[in-house]
Amino acid sequence: MTTTISISTELREKIRNLGRAGDSYEDVINRMYELTRKNLLLGYLYDESDSVSIDEALKEARKKWPKSS
């Protein structure tokens, strides 16, 4: 099943310029989608916004569970 989408002539030219000889618009858009998907996954994998360093984790663990003598 195919779908028609409306885009500006300017955007159509940008997409066309990303293609290689013989590529259809679908080929180019599929490549763009795959690259974007991989970049999003990498962003999730390397996101350190809710991380702590190993040193900080050890410090907190030692406070919580001090060594018994």
Protein backbone atom coordinates (compact mmCIF):
# COMPACT_ATOMS: atom_id res chain seq x y z
CA MET A 1 0.00 0.00 0.00
CA THR A 2 1.36 3.42 -0.87
CA THR A 3 0.65 6.76 0.74
CA THR A 4 1.00 10.23 -0.70
CA ILE A 5 2.38 12.98 1.51
CA SER A 6 2.52 16.68 0.81
CA ILE A 7 5.89 18.40 1.21
CA SER A 8 7.26 21.65 -0.08
CA THR A 9 9.33 21.77 -3.25
CA GLU A 10 12.25 22.95 -1.13
CA LEU A 11 12.07 19.90 1.15
CA ARG A 12 11.64 17.58 -1.83
CA GLU A 13 14.88 18.97 -3.29
CA LYS A 14 16.69 18.52 0.03
CA ILE A 15 15.59 14.89 0.19
CA ARG A 16 16.52 14.34 -3.45
CA ASN A 17 19.99 15.76 -2.81
CA LEU A 18 20.53 13.19 -0.04
CA GLY A 19 19.92 10.33 -2.44
CA ARG A 20 22.32 8.35 -4.55
CA ALA A 21 21.93 7.59 -8.24
CA GLY A 22 18.92 5.35 -8.68
CA ASP A 23 17.48 5.98 -5.19
CA SER A 24 13.78 6.53 -4.81
CA TYR A 25 12.41 8.96 -2.23
CA GLU A 26 11.44 5.90 -0.20
CA ASP A 27 15.07 4.68 -0.24
CA VAL A 28 16.31 8.03 1.04
CA ILE A 29 13.62 8.32 3.72
CA ASN A 30 14.25 4.75 4.89
CA ARG A 31 17.97 5.52 5.25
CA MET A 32 17.16 8.71 7.16
CA TYR A 33 14.82 6.76 9.45
CA GLU A 34 17.43 4.07 10.19
CA LEU A 35 20.13 6.64 10.96
CA THR A 36 17.78 8.55 13.23
CA ARG A 37 16.69 5.38 15.03
CA LYS A 38 20.32 4.38 15.65
CA ASN A 39 21.21 7.87 16.89
CA LEU A 40 18.26 7.86 19.30
CA LEU A 41 19.32 4.46 20.64
CA LEU A 42 22.89 5.67 21.11
CA GLY A 43 21.55 8.73 22.89
CA TYR A 44 19.63 6.53 25.32
CA LEU A 45 22.61 4.23 25.88
CA TYR A 46 25.05 7.05 26.58
CA ASP A 47 22.69 9.26 28.58
CA GLU A 48 24.39 9.95 31.90
CA SER A 49 21.82 12.41 33.25
CA ASP A 50 20.65 10.00 35.97
CA SER A 51 24.01 8.30 36.60
CA VAL A 52 26.58 8.60 39.35
CA SER A 53 30.27 7.82 39.15
CA ILE A 54 31.60 4.56 40.57
CA ASP A 55 33.48 6.52 43.24
CA GLU A 56 30.28 8.28 44.31
CA ALA A 57 28.34 4.98 44.36
CA LEU A 58 31.04 3.36 46.51
CA LYS A 59 31.03 6.33 48.88
CA GLU A 60 27.26 6.09 49.30
CA ALA A 61 27.42 2.30 49.73
CA ARG A 62 30.08 2.62 52.42
CA LYS A 63 27.89 5.12 54.29
CA LYS A 64 24.91 2.81 54.06
CA TRP A 65 26.77 -0.44 54.82
CA PRO A 66 29.89 0.30 56.84
CA LYS A 67 32.37 -2.52 57.37
CA SER A 68 31.90 -4.42 60.58
CA SER A 69 35.03 -5.02 62.67
